[in-house]
Protein backbone atom coordinates (compact mmCIF):
# COMPACT_ATOMS: atom_id res chain seq x y z
CA MET A 1 -2.03 103.76 118.56
CA GLU A 2 -0.82 101.86 121.58
CA ASN A 3 1.32 103.95 123.91
CA ASN A 4 4.45 101.72 123.76
CA GLU A 5 7.82 103.15 124.83
CA GLU A 6 9.57 100.65 122.61
CA TYR A 7 7.67 101.96 119.61
CA PHE A 8 8.64 105.59 120.31
CA ASN A 9 12.35 104.83 121.26
CA PRO A 10 14.31 102.99 118.53
CA ASP A 11 17.46 102.74 120.72
CA ILE A 12 15.64 100.76 123.38
CA LYS A 13 14.20 98.53 120.68
CA LYS A 14 17.72 97.76 119.39
CA THR A 15 18.91 96.97 122.91
CA ILE A 16 16.04 94.56 123.49
CA ASN A 17 16.72 92.82 120.18
CA ALA A 18 20.41 92.52 121.04
CA VAL A 19 19.59 90.88 124.37
CA LYS A 20 17.24 88.46 122.64
CA ASN A 21 19.91 87.55 120.07
CA TYR A 22 22.52 87.06 122.81
CA LYS A 23 20.25 84.67 124.67
CA ARG A 24 19.53 82.82 121.44
CA TYR A 25 23.23 82.29 120.52
CA SER A 26 24.97 82.27 123.91
CA LYS A 27 24.11 78.63 124.47
CA ASN A 28 26.47 77.83 121.56
CA TYR A 29 29.44 79.85 122.89
CA PRO A 30 30.96 77.04 125.01
CA LEU A 31 30.91 74.75 121.99
CA ILE A 32 32.50 77.42 119.78
CA SER A 33 35.21 78.10 122.38
CA LEU A 34 35.93 74.39 122.67
CA ILE A 35 36.26 74.06 118.91
CA ILE A 36 38.64 77.07 118.69
CA PHE A 37 40.76 75.72 121.56
CA GLY A 38 40.85 72.28 119.94
CA VAL A 39 41.96 73.70 116.58
CA ILE A 40 44.74 75.67 118.28
CA LEU A 41 45.84 72.65 120.32
CA VAL A 42 45.89 70.33 117.30
CA SER A 43 47.73 72.93 115.19
CA VAL A 44 50.42 73.53 117.82
CA THR A 45 50.83 69.79 118.36
CA ALA A 46 51.16 69.22 114.62
CA VAL A 47 53.77 71.96 114.34
CA LEU A 48 55.79 70.56 117.25
CA ILE A 49 55.68 67.01 115.89
CA PHE A 50 55.83 67.33 112.11
CA PHE A 51 57.55 70.62 111.29
CA GLU A 52 61.29 70.76 110.77
CA ARG A 53 63.25 71.66 113.88
CA PRO A 54 66.11 74.17 113.65
CA GLU A 55 69.68 72.99 114.30
CA LYS A 56 71.33 76.36 114.82
CA SER A 57 70.28 79.70 116.30
CA GLU A 58 71.40 82.59 114.13
CA ILE A 59 70.35 85.03 116.86
CA GLU A 60 72.32 83.34 119.64
CA LYS A 61 75.19 82.20 117.35
CA ARG A 62 75.16 78.65 118.66
CA GLU A 63 74.29 75.07 117.78
CA LEU A 64 71.02 73.97 119.36
CA ALA A 65 70.60 70.81 121.43
CA LYS A 66 70.90 67.54 119.51
CA ARG A 67 68.27 64.80 119.59
CA PRO A 68 69.59 62.16 122.02
CA GLU A 69 70.08 58.57 120.90
CA PHE A 70 67.71 56.10 122.51
CA SER A 71 68.94 53.24 124.61
CA VAL A 72 67.18 51.09 127.18
CA GLU A 73 69.80 51.89 129.78
CA ALA A 74 69.53 55.65 129.23
CA PHE A 75 65.72 55.47 129.26
CA PHE A 76 65.45 53.72 132.62
CA SER A 77 68.15 55.89 134.18
CA GLY A 78 66.20 59.00 133.20
CA GLU A 79 69.10 60.40 131.14
CA TYR A 80 67.28 59.94 127.83
CA THR A 81 64.10 61.70 128.95
CA ASP A 82 66.06 64.57 130.50
CA ASN A 83 68.11 65.10 127.33
CA PHE A 84 65.02 64.76 125.13
CA SER A 85 63.24 67.46 127.15
CA VAL A 86 66.20 69.80 126.62
CA TYR A 87 66.25 69.01 122.88
CA PHE A 88 62.48 69.44 122.53
CA ALA A 89 62.44 72.83 124.27
CA ASP A 90 65.57 74.14 122.55
CA THR A 91 64.51 73.32 118.98
CA VAL A 92 60.92 74.57 118.78
CA PRO A 93 59.93 75.26 115.14
CA PHE A 94 59.94 78.96 114.24
CA ARG A 95 62.16 79.49 117.28
CA GLU A 96 63.74 82.73 116.04
CA SER A 97 60.36 84.29 115.23
CA LEU A 98 59.01 83.37 118.65
CA VAL A 99 62.06 84.86 120.37
CA ASP A 100 61.59 88.05 118.37
CA LEU A 101 57.88 88.19 119.25
CA SER A 102 58.73 87.78 122.93
CA SER A 103 61.18 90.67 122.69
CA GLN A 104 58.57 92.86 120.96
CA LEU A 105 55.99 92.11 123.64
CA LYS A 106 58.51 92.97 126.33
CA LYS A 107 58.98 96.41 124.83
CA LEU A 108 55.22 96.91 124.52
CA ARG A 109 54.92 96.28 128.25
CA GLY A 110 56.84 99.50 128.74
CA VAL A 111 60.13 98.23 130.10
CA SER A 112 61.96 101.31 131.34
CA SER A 113 65.25 102.59 129.96
CA PRO A 114 67.96 101.48 130.42
CA THR A 115 67.68 97.71 130.16
CA PHE A 116 70.44 95.73 131.91
CA TYR A 117 71.29 92.11 131.15
CA GLY A 118 73.38 89.92 133.44
CA SER A 119 74.50 90.43 137.03
CA VAL A 120 75.25 94.14 136.78
CA GLN A 121 76.94 95.57 139.87
CA ILE A 122 78.36 98.94 140.92
CA VAL A 123 82.11 98.68 140.27
CA ALA A 124 83.18 102.34 140.10
CA ASP A 125 82.49 105.66 141.79
CA ASP A 126 80.61 108.51 140.15
CA ASP A 127 83.78 109.61 138.36
CA GLY A 128 84.36 106.16 136.87
CA SER A 129 87.30 105.27 139.11
CA SER A 130 87.40 101.54 139.84
CA ILE A 131 86.17 100.16 143.15
CA GLU A 132 88.21 97.05 143.89
CA THR A 133 86.14 93.97 144.68
CA GLU A 134 87.15 90.50 145.78
CA PRO A 135 88.06 88.54 142.62
CA PRO A 136 86.97 84.95 142.07
CA VAL A 137 89.41 82.27 143.17
CA THR A 138 91.13 80.67 140.20
CA GLU A 139 92.18 77.04 140.21
CA ILE A 140 95.11 76.39 137.89
CA VAL A 141 95.27 73.04 136.14
CA THR A 142 98.81 71.72 135.80
CA VAL A 143 100.49 69.30 133.43
CA PRO A 144 101.80 65.82 134.17
CA SER A 145 105.47 65.72 134.80
CA GLU A 146 107.81 65.20 137.65
CA THR A 147 108.37 68.96 137.75
CA THR A 148 105.37 71.27 137.90
CA THR A 149 105.43 75.07 137.50
CA ILE A 150 102.51 77.15 138.75
CA VAL A 151 101.79 80.80 139.39
CA VAL A 152 100.63 81.51 142.94
CA THR A 153 99.14 84.74 144.28
CA ASP A 154 99.04 85.19 148.05
CA GLU A 155 96.60 87.21 150.14
CA ASN A 156 98.65 90.38 149.62
CA ASN A 157 98.59 89.97 145.84
CA ASN A 158 102.29 89.07 145.64
CA THR A 159 102.89 86.60 142.84
CA SER A 160 105.38 83.74 143.01
CA ILE A 161 106.58 81.17 140.52
CA VAL A 162 106.71 77.86 142.36
CA THR A 163 108.55 74.81 141.04
CA GLU A 164 107.39 71.64 142.75
CA GLU A 165 109.28 68.37 142.31
CA THR A 166 107.31 65.22 143.07
CA THR A 167 109.03 62.09 144.34
CA THR A 168 106.32 59.61 143.35
CA PRO A 169 105.08 58.57 139.87
CA VAL A 170 102.21 60.71 138.56
CA THR A 171 99.03 59.09 137.26
CA THR A 172 97.02 61.25 134.88
CA THR A 173 93.48 61.67 133.65
CA GLU A 174 92.28 63.55 130.59
CA ILE A 175 90.12 66.66 130.73
CA THR A 176 88.67 68.03 127.49
CA THR A 177 88.40 71.80 127.27
CA THR A 178 85.31 73.79 126.31
CA THR A 179 84.28 73.31 122.69
CA GLU A 180 83.66 76.18 120.31
CA GLU A 181 79.92 75.48 120.24
CA GLU A 182 79.79 75.99 124.01
CA GLU A 183 81.52 79.37 123.84
CA VAL A 184 78.31 81.39 123.65
CA LYS A 185 77.16 79.89 126.97
CA ASP A 186 80.24 81.38 128.64
CA ILE A 187 79.50 84.96 127.64
CA ALA A 188 78.80 85.86 131.29
CA GLU A 189 82.46 85.13 132.00
CA PHE A 190 83.64 87.18 129.07
CA SER A 191 81.32 90.09 129.84
CA ASN A 192 82.17 90.34 133.48
CA ASN A 193 79.54 92.89 134.51
CA GLY A 194 76.67 92.44 132.09
CA ILE A 195 75.28 94.41 129.14
CA VAL A 196 73.33 97.66 128.93
CA VAL A 197 70.90 98.48 126.11
CA ASP A 198 68.57 101.50 125.72
CA GLY A 199 69.75 104.91 126.76
CA VAL A 200 73.00 104.18 124.93
CA LYS A 201 73.93 105.86 121.67
CA MET A 202 76.95 105.42 119.42
CA TYR A 203 77.38 107.66 116.38
CA GLY A 204 73.84 108.93 116.98
CA GLU A 205 72.23 105.48 116.77
CA ASP A 206 70.94 102.97 119.33
CA ALA A 207 73.62 100.66 120.71
CA GLY A 208 74.45 98.07 123.34
CA ILE A 209 77.58 98.05 125.50
CA MET A 210 79.27 95.37 127.59
CA LEU A 211 80.18 96.62 131.04
CA PHE A 212 83.70 96.05 132.39
CA GLY A 213 83.80 94.81 135.96
CA GLY A 214 87.57 94.72 136.29
CA ASN A 215 89.81 92.23 138.09
CA LYS A 216 93.29 93.60 138.76
CA PRO A 217 94.65 90.45 140.44
CA GLU A 218 93.70 88.47 137.33
CA GLY A 219 95.26 91.16 135.14
CA LYS A 220 98.45 90.81 137.15
CA ARG A 221 98.39 87.04 136.68
CA TYR A 222 97.94 87.58 132.93
CA ALA A 223 101.08 89.75 132.93
CA GLU A 224 103.09 87.28 135.01
CA ILE A 225 102.29 84.45 132.60
CA ILE A 226 103.48 86.57 129.67
CA ASN A 227 106.66 87.17 131.68
CA MET A 228 107.10 83.39 131.78
CA TYR A 229 106.96 83.27 127.98
CA ALA A 230 109.59 86.01 127.77
CA ALA A 231 111.85 84.04 130.12
CA ALA A 232 111.46 80.88 128.03
CA LEU A 233 111.91 82.54 124.62
CA GLU A 234 115.37 84.04 124.75
CA GLY A 235 116.07 86.10 121.62
CA VAL A 236 112.39 86.43 120.61
CA GLN A 237 110.80 89.87 120.99
CA ILE A 238 107.57 89.67 123.00
CA HIS A 239 104.88 92.32 122.45
CA ASN A 240 101.70 92.87 124.45
CA LEU A 241 98.70 94.86 123.23
CA VAL A 242 95.63 95.09 125.45
CA VAL A 243 92.59 96.46 123.63
CA PRO A 244 90.01 98.77 125.25
CA THR A 245 86.34 98.19 124.39
CA SER A 246 83.47 100.50 123.49
CA ALA A 247 82.51 100.90 127.17
CA GLU A 248 85.60 103.04 127.70
CA PHE A 249 84.65 105.68 125.12
CA TYR A 250 80.87 105.54 124.58
CA LEU A 251 79.24 104.59 127.89
CA PRO A 252 77.04 107.51 129.03
CA LYS A 253 78.27 109.27 132.16
CA ARG A 254 75.15 108.27 134.12
CA PHE A 255 76.14 104.59 133.77
CA SER A 256 79.83 105.06 134.63
CA LYS A 257 79.47 103.46 138.07
CA TYR A 258 78.68 100.14 136.35
CA SER A 259 81.96 99.94 134.40
CA SER A 260 85.51 100.14 135.70
CA SER A 261 88.23 102.21 134.07
CA GLU A 262 89.73 100.14 131.27
CA LYS A 263 92.64 102.56 130.94
CA ASP A 264 93.61 101.96 134.57
CA ALA A 265 93.32 98.20 134.07
CA ILE A 266 95.54 98.30 130.97
CA ASN A 267 98.15 100.43 132.72
CA HIS A 268 98.10 98.03 135.67
CA ILE A 269 98.84 95.07 133.40
CA TYR A 270 101.63 96.92 131.62
CA SER A 271 103.21 97.87 134.97
CA CYS A 272 103.45 94.16 135.88
CA LEU A 273 105.26 93.15 132.70
CA ASP A 274 108.99 92.49 132.47
CA PRO A 275 110.86 95.51 131.03
CA SER A 276 112.03 93.37 128.10
CA ILE A 277 108.42 93.08 126.86
CA ASN A 278 107.26 95.71 124.40
CA THR A 279 103.97 97.25 125.57
CA VAL A 280 101.91 98.71 122.73
CA ASP A 281 99.83 101.81 123.49
CA ALA A 282 96.85 101.22 121.20
CA TYR A 283 94.60 103.08 123.65
CA SER A 284 95.94 106.54 122.73
CA MET A 285 95.65 105.88 119.00
CA ILE A 286 92.08 104.60 119.30
CA GLU A 287 91.10 107.51 121.56
CA LYS A 288 92.04 109.95 118.80
CA HIS A 289 89.46 108.44 116.45
CA THR A 290 86.36 108.06 118.62
CA ASP A 291 84.39 110.22 116.20
CA GLU A 292 84.86 107.48 113.59
CA TYR A 293 83.10 104.12 113.41
CA ILE A 294 85.73 102.19 115.39
CA TYR A 295 83.37 99.95 117.43
CA LEU A 296 80.26 98.04 116.42
CA ARG A 297 76.97 99.18 117.91
CA THR A 298 75.19 95.82 118.01
CA ASP A 299 78.23 93.62 118.65
CA HIS A 300 80.77 93.34 121.48
CA HIS A 301 83.71 93.54 119.04
CA TRP A 302 85.51 96.53 117.62
CA SER A 303 84.98 97.37 113.96
CA PRO A 304 87.61 96.56 111.33
CA LEU A 305 88.45 100.30 111.32
CA GLY A 306 89.15 100.19 115.06
CA ALA A 307 91.42 97.17 114.51
CA TYR A 308 93.27 99.15 111.84
CA TYR A 309 94.10 101.97 114.26
CA ALA A 310 95.45 99.45 116.80
CA TYR A 311 97.58 97.99 114.01
CA ALA A 312 98.84 101.48 113.15
CA ALA A 313 99.93 101.93 116.77
CA PHE A 314 101.72 98.56 116.67
CA ALA A 315 103.52 99.34 113.40
CA GLU A 316 104.60 102.77 114.63
CA ASP A 317 105.88 101.20 117.84
CA LEU A 318 108.04 98.81 115.82
CA GLY A 319 109.25 101.57 113.50
CA MET A 320 107.59 99.93 110.49
CA GLU A 321 105.91 101.64 107.58
CA TYR A 322 102.24 100.81 107.12
CA PRO A 323 99.58 101.66 104.50
CA ASP A 324 97.16 104.51 105.07
CA ILE A 325 93.56 103.39 105.41
CA SER A 326 92.83 105.03 102.04
CA GLU A 327 95.18 102.51 100.38
CA TYR A 328 92.93 99.58 101.31
CA GLU A 329 89.98 98.35 99.29
CA GLU A 330 86.97 99.28 101.41
CA LYS A 331 83.93 97.01 101.14
CA VAL A 332 80.64 96.93 103.01
CA LYS A 333 77.96 94.50 104.17
CA TYR A 334 74.50 95.81 105.02
CA ASP A 335 71.89 95.07 107.69
CA TYR A 336 74.38 93.72 110.21
CA VAL A 337 73.05 92.92 113.69
CA GLY A 338 75.71 91.36 115.87
CA SER A 339 76.36 89.37 119.02
CA LEU A 340 74.81 91.77 121.54
CA TYR A 341 71.40 91.10 120.04
CA GLY A 342 72.15 87.38 120.15
CA TYR A 343 72.96 87.57 123.86
CA THR A 344 70.04 89.83 124.86
CA ASN A 345 67.35 89.36 122.17
CA ASP A 346 66.67 93.05 122.72
CA VAL A 347 64.46 94.41 119.96
CA THR A 348 66.10 97.84 120.21
CA LEU A 349 69.26 96.32 118.72
CA LYS A 350 67.37 94.34 116.11
CA ASN A 351 65.74 97.55 114.91
CA ALA A 352 69.10 99.32 114.67
CA PRO A 353 71.06 97.35 112.02
CA GLU A 354 74.43 98.76 111.00
CA GLU A 355 76.80 98.67 108.07
CA PHE A 356 79.82 96.38 108.38
CA HIS A 357 82.80 98.00 106.64
CA TYR A 358 85.98 96.01 106.13
CA PHE A 359 89.30 96.76 104.45
CA LYS A 360 91.33 94.47 102.20
CA PRO A 361 95.10 95.07 101.87
CA GLN A 362 96.33 95.98 98.40
CA ASN A 363 99.71 95.73 96.67
CA VAL A 364 100.80 92.75 98.75
CA ASP A 365 100.79 89.06 97.87
CA TYR A 366 99.91 86.57 100.56
CA THR A 367 98.73 82.97 100.87
CA THR A 368 96.68 81.63 103.77
CA TYR A 369 96.89 78.07 105.07
CA TYR A 370 94.55 76.54 107.63
CA TYR A 371 95.11 73.70 110.10
CA GLN A 372 92.96 71.67 112.46
CA TYR A 373 93.47 73.42 115.78
CA ASP A 374 93.74 70.30 117.96
CA ASN A 375 96.24 68.18 116.01
CA LEU A 376 97.46 70.76 113.43
CA ALA A 377 96.43 68.50 110.55
CA PRO A 378 96.53 70.59 107.34
CA LEU A 379 93.15 71.70 106.02
CA GLY A 380 94.60 73.33 102.94
CA GLN A 381 94.92 76.72 101.34
CA SER A 382 92.00 79.14 101.42
CA VAL A 383 91.12 82.82 101.50
CA LEU A 384 91.93 85.22 104.34
CA PHE A 385 88.66 87.15 103.93
CA HIS A 386 85.57 84.90 103.83
CA GLU A 387 83.44 87.43 101.99
CA TYR A 388 80.44 85.18 101.47
CA VAL A 389 79.30 85.67 105.08
CA GLU A 390 76.14 87.70 105.59
CA GLY A 391 73.98 89.16 108.34
CA GLY A 392 74.98 88.39 111.91
CA ASN A 393 77.95 86.29 110.76
CA CYS A 394 79.92 89.15 109.25
CA TYR A 395 82.58 89.25 111.98
CA GLY A 396 83.37 85.64 111.03
CA MET A 397 84.81 87.01 107.79
CA PHE A 398 88.32 87.15 109.26
CA LEU A 399 90.25 83.87 109.56
CA GLY A 400 87.06 81.84 109.10
CA LYS A 401 86.44 81.16 112.79
CA ASP A 402 88.21 81.15 116.15
CA GLY A 403 88.74 77.40 116.47
CA ILE A 404 91.28 77.00 113.69
CA HIS A 405 95.02 77.51 113.34
CA THR A 406 96.18 79.84 110.58
CA LYS A 407 99.49 80.47 108.82
CA ILE A 408 99.88 83.38 106.39
CA VAL A 409 102.89 83.62 104.06
CA THR A 410 103.54 87.02 102.43
CA ASP A 411 106.00 88.58 100.01
CA ALA A 412 107.42 90.89 102.70
CA ALA A 413 110.81 89.11 102.46
CA ASN A 414 112.19 90.72 105.60
CA GLY A 415 112.80 87.62 107.70
CA ARG A 416 110.25 88.66 110.33
CA LYS A 417 108.00 85.84 111.56
CA ILE A 418 105.34 86.62 114.14
CA VAL A 419 103.15 84.40 116.31
CA VAL A 420 99.91 86.09 117.40
CA PHE A 421 98.11 84.94 120.55
CA LYS A 422 94.56 86.26 120.41
CA GLU A 423 90.87 85.80 121.12
CA SER A 424 88.19 87.00 118.71
CA TYR A 425 89.25 90.67 118.90
CA GLY A 426 92.49 89.67 117.18
CA ASN A 427 90.66 88.26 114.14
CA ALA A 428 90.09 91.69 112.60
CA PHE A 429 93.65 92.77 113.50
CA VAL A 430 95.67 89.93 111.94
CA PRO A 431 94.98 90.68 108.23
CA HIS A 432 96.81 94.01 108.53
CA LEU A 433 100.07 92.26 109.44
CA VAL A 434 100.53 90.98 105.86
CA SER A 435 102.22 94.29 105.03
CA ASN A 436 104.95 93.85 107.64
CA PHE A 437 105.76 90.20 108.33
CA GLU A 438 107.01 87.41 106.11
CA GLU A 439 105.14 84.73 108.02
CA ILE A 440 102.22 85.10 110.45
CA TYR A 441 101.07 82.28 112.75
CA VAL A 442 97.74 82.76 114.52
CA ILE A 443 97.01 80.95 117.80
CA ASP A 444 93.68 81.40 119.54
CA ILE A 445 94.26 81.20 123.30
CA ARG A 446 91.30 78.81 123.57
CA TYR A 447 92.04 76.45 120.69
CA PHE A 448 95.53 75.09 120.09
CA GLY A 449 96.85 71.55 120.45
CA ARG A 450 100.59 72.08 120.91
CA ASN A 451 102.87 73.45 123.56
CA ALA A 452 103.16 77.06 122.43
CA VAL A 453 106.76 77.63 123.54
CA ASP A 454 108.00 74.55 121.68
CA TYR A 455 106.01 75.58 118.60
CA ILE A 456 107.41 79.11 118.60
CA LYS A 457 110.97 77.76 118.75
CA GLU A 458 110.24 75.17 116.08
CA ILE A 459 109.04 77.67 113.47
CA GLY A 460 111.83 80.14 114.25
CA ALA A 461 109.61 83.08 115.19
CA THR A 462 111.25 86.47 115.63
CA ASP A 463 108.24 88.14 117.30
CA VAL A 464 105.37 87.08 119.55
CA LEU A 465 102.34 89.32 120.02
CA PHE A 466 99.73 88.87 122.73
CA ILE A 467 96.69 90.87 121.60
CA ASN A 468 93.63 90.51 123.80
CA ASN A 469 90.80 92.81 124.78
CA ILE A 470 90.73 94.00 128.39
CA PHE A 471 87.88 91.60 129.27
CA ALA A 472 89.95 88.61 128.15
CA ALA A 473 93.02 89.83 130.06
CA ASN A 474 90.90 89.96 133.23
CA THR A 475 88.99 86.70 132.78
CA ALA A 476 90.35 83.67 134.65
CA LYS A 477 89.18 81.07 132.14
CA LEU A 478 90.90 82.76 129.21
CA VAL A 479 94.06 83.51 131.17
CA ASP A 480 94.15 79.84 132.17
CA GLY A 481 94.27 79.00 128.45
CA ILE A 482 97.42 81.08 127.97
CA LEU A 483 98.99 79.29 130.95
CA ARG A 484 98.08 75.85 129.61
CA LEU A 485 99.58 76.74 126.25
CA TYR A 486 102.80 77.45 128.14
CA GLN A 487 102.70 74.35 130.33
CA SER A 488 100.98 71.54 128.50
CA GLU A 489 102.35 69.45 125.65
CA THR A 490 98.87 69.48 124.14
CA GLY A 491 98.05 73.13 124.77
CA THR A 492 94.42 73.88 125.56
CA VAL A 493 93.00 70.80 123.86
CA ILE A 494 93.69 68.14 126.50
CA THR A 495 95.42 68.86 129.74
CA THR A 496 96.43 66.41 132.41
CA VAL A 497 96.32 66.68 136.16
CA PRO A 498 97.87 64.60 138.93
CA VAL A 499 95.46 62.11 140.45
CA THR A 500 95.39 62.03 144.23
CA GLU A 501 97.20 58.89 145.39
CA PRO A 502 95.76 56.87 148.29
CA PRO A 503 97.51 57.57 151.61
CA VAL A 504 100.52 55.44 152.44
CA THR A 505 100.49 53.88 155.92
CA ASP A 506 103.23 52.21 157.92
CA GLU A 507 102.98 48.91 159.76
CA ASN A 508 101.26 50.63 162.69
CA GLY A 509 98.57 52.20 160.47
CA ASN A 510 100.00 55.70 160.68
CA THR A 511 99.84 57.85 157.55
CA VAL A 512 103.21 58.52 155.93
CA THR A 513 103.53 61.91 154.23
CA THR A 514 105.33 61.93 150.87
CA SER A 515 108.00 64.60 150.86
CA LYS A 516 108.15 67.28 148.21
CA LYS A 517 110.90 69.66 147.29
CA ALA A 518 109.82 73.11 146.39
CA SER A 519 111.63 76.23 145.34
CA THR A 520 109.94 79.61 145.18
CA LYS A 521 111.07 82.70 143.34
CA LYS A 522 109.26 86.00 143.75
CA THR A 523 108.27 87.98 140.69
CA GLY A 524 107.13 91.22 142.30
CA LYS A 525 108.51 94.58 141.29
CA ASN A 526 111.49 94.38 143.68
CA GLU A 527 112.20 90.69 143.15
CA THR A 528 113.59 88.54 140.34
CA THR A 529 111.97 85.87 138.18
CA GLU A 530 113.52 82.62 137.03
CA LYS A 531 114.85 84.54 134.08
CA THR A 532 118.04 86.49 134.87
CA LYS A 533 117.12 90.11 134.29
CA SER A 534 119.41 92.56 132.60
CA THR A 535 118.88 95.96 131.13
CA GLU A 536 115.98 96.37 128.75
CA LYS A 537 116.39 94.42 125.52
CA PRO A 538 116.47 96.27 122.23
CA LYS A 539 113.11 95.98 120.51
CA LYS A 540 114.56 94.87 117.21
CA SER A 541 113.85 91.17 116.70
CA ALA A 542 116.24 88.47 115.62
CA GLN A 543 116.26 87.62 111.93
CA THR A 544 115.74 83.89 111.57
CA GLU A 545 114.26 81.53 109.02
CA ALA A 546 111.59 78.93 109.61
CA PRO A 547 112.29 75.31 108.66
CA LYS A 548 111.16 74.41 105.16
CA THR A 549 107.86 72.53 105.16
CA GLU A 550 105.51 71.23 102.51
CA GLU A 551 102.41 73.34 102.22
CA PRO A 552 99.06 71.51 102.39
CA GLU A 553 96.86 70.91 99.39
CA PRO A 554 94.04 73.39 98.69
CA ALA A 555 90.84 72.88 100.69
CA THR A 556 87.75 74.79 101.67
CA VAL A 557 87.43 76.40 105.10
CA THR A 558 83.96 77.35 106.30
CA ALA A 559 83.43 80.55 108.26
CA THR A 560 81.07 80.63 111.23
């Protein structure tokens, strides 16, 4: 027998055969790779061209870019191609699944805990006490008239109400405010120091929290504008309720330097309010119940239970009886994942769905009417609780959506009529008021097409409540909305601004300055506002009746 190592070593024989087979087939590998790449390329192209494109992102809670209309002019200017590129990238088929896959891969890469989203900055010391930073400069848009009222804050933070009388005719242009679909893009303004996920627990489960950056000068301006309402609404009781968020009670101590004290910010606002304004201490009531599910873990809102406790504080403050939470009909939606996941696409939140509990008032009759927010055209009668909503839309159960005006008529028969100025936090709060007020008018500070002061007088309101979370009360864009509702005949829908007139020159070519008369009245703690102050008003509201109006025909209102 031939002495052959291959014959006596089967492992070597297998290796040699494997090498031979590789050489035999390797010449086909480039062709195989090309075929696989071609199949993938053709498949992806087919999907992008022929598959249905989504119109709305359920994760991000927004409408996706629309396909632009073609025109020769837009094509040659480049506008059409730019808009088409945005549409094509924003509406990729299976978009939600791809976003989720991206989030999963990010976690697999071992991203360390915690995960921050947004421009997170240090805004407090190790004990959580606020570190004051320079606030953004706010430009106030004014209304067209020969007399203009603005709120001015100087370098020392002293606020003045300035009345400026122009001596020349005012030309105006129209500016349309942000639409509801664009709201999600402005979340960086609403969440003024970013979001933290991972390393955060609420009720023993994973959670996300928006971080509060603070802005005391803006909070002061918010208070001064409410003072203007009080001065203009003689005989109407004004209430202010600023809501703390989950960051105040559930942010781990190790992250405290990234979130300012919300309690300090609320107290600062209350200290700037006119003594005639009733300040509601919802903070203390909420603080007593932090072991209950009062804030949502995957959403930046409070839970309906948290809204109930704020309502309880409001009712107690007014000396009104209110139902115990056990007297409501409690209902639940499952597998809720809210806005914080939409803003971050963080898989930790997706994998931590929560139950959405809500509470329907019992033993009270009420009817809800809805109106187009811009022109107040009646949309008809509909439900107060839109219970058909599911999944990430559950918070849209209350009032349908933000961009709509609502009137609720109850059987309270006590003559009390309240106007509620709110942002989305107020949505879960308003339904509780059916037990205490005969008529409830709901105005979102971003969406209302009338001058609010005129409207309040017209309906004969006895009470006005400003209920806004602490972020909103420190955010220039939202505070501007409250000011425009005070100033403008068309509220926040369309506002008008003076157009700069060309300079006037004399016969020698010298510029002539147009004179202006101005009167300034300080509104600091030791000064007086335009309203003549007296001792604190009694908190009991006037009993008045609203003018009789025909109610609109029934219609359907869609929640979003």
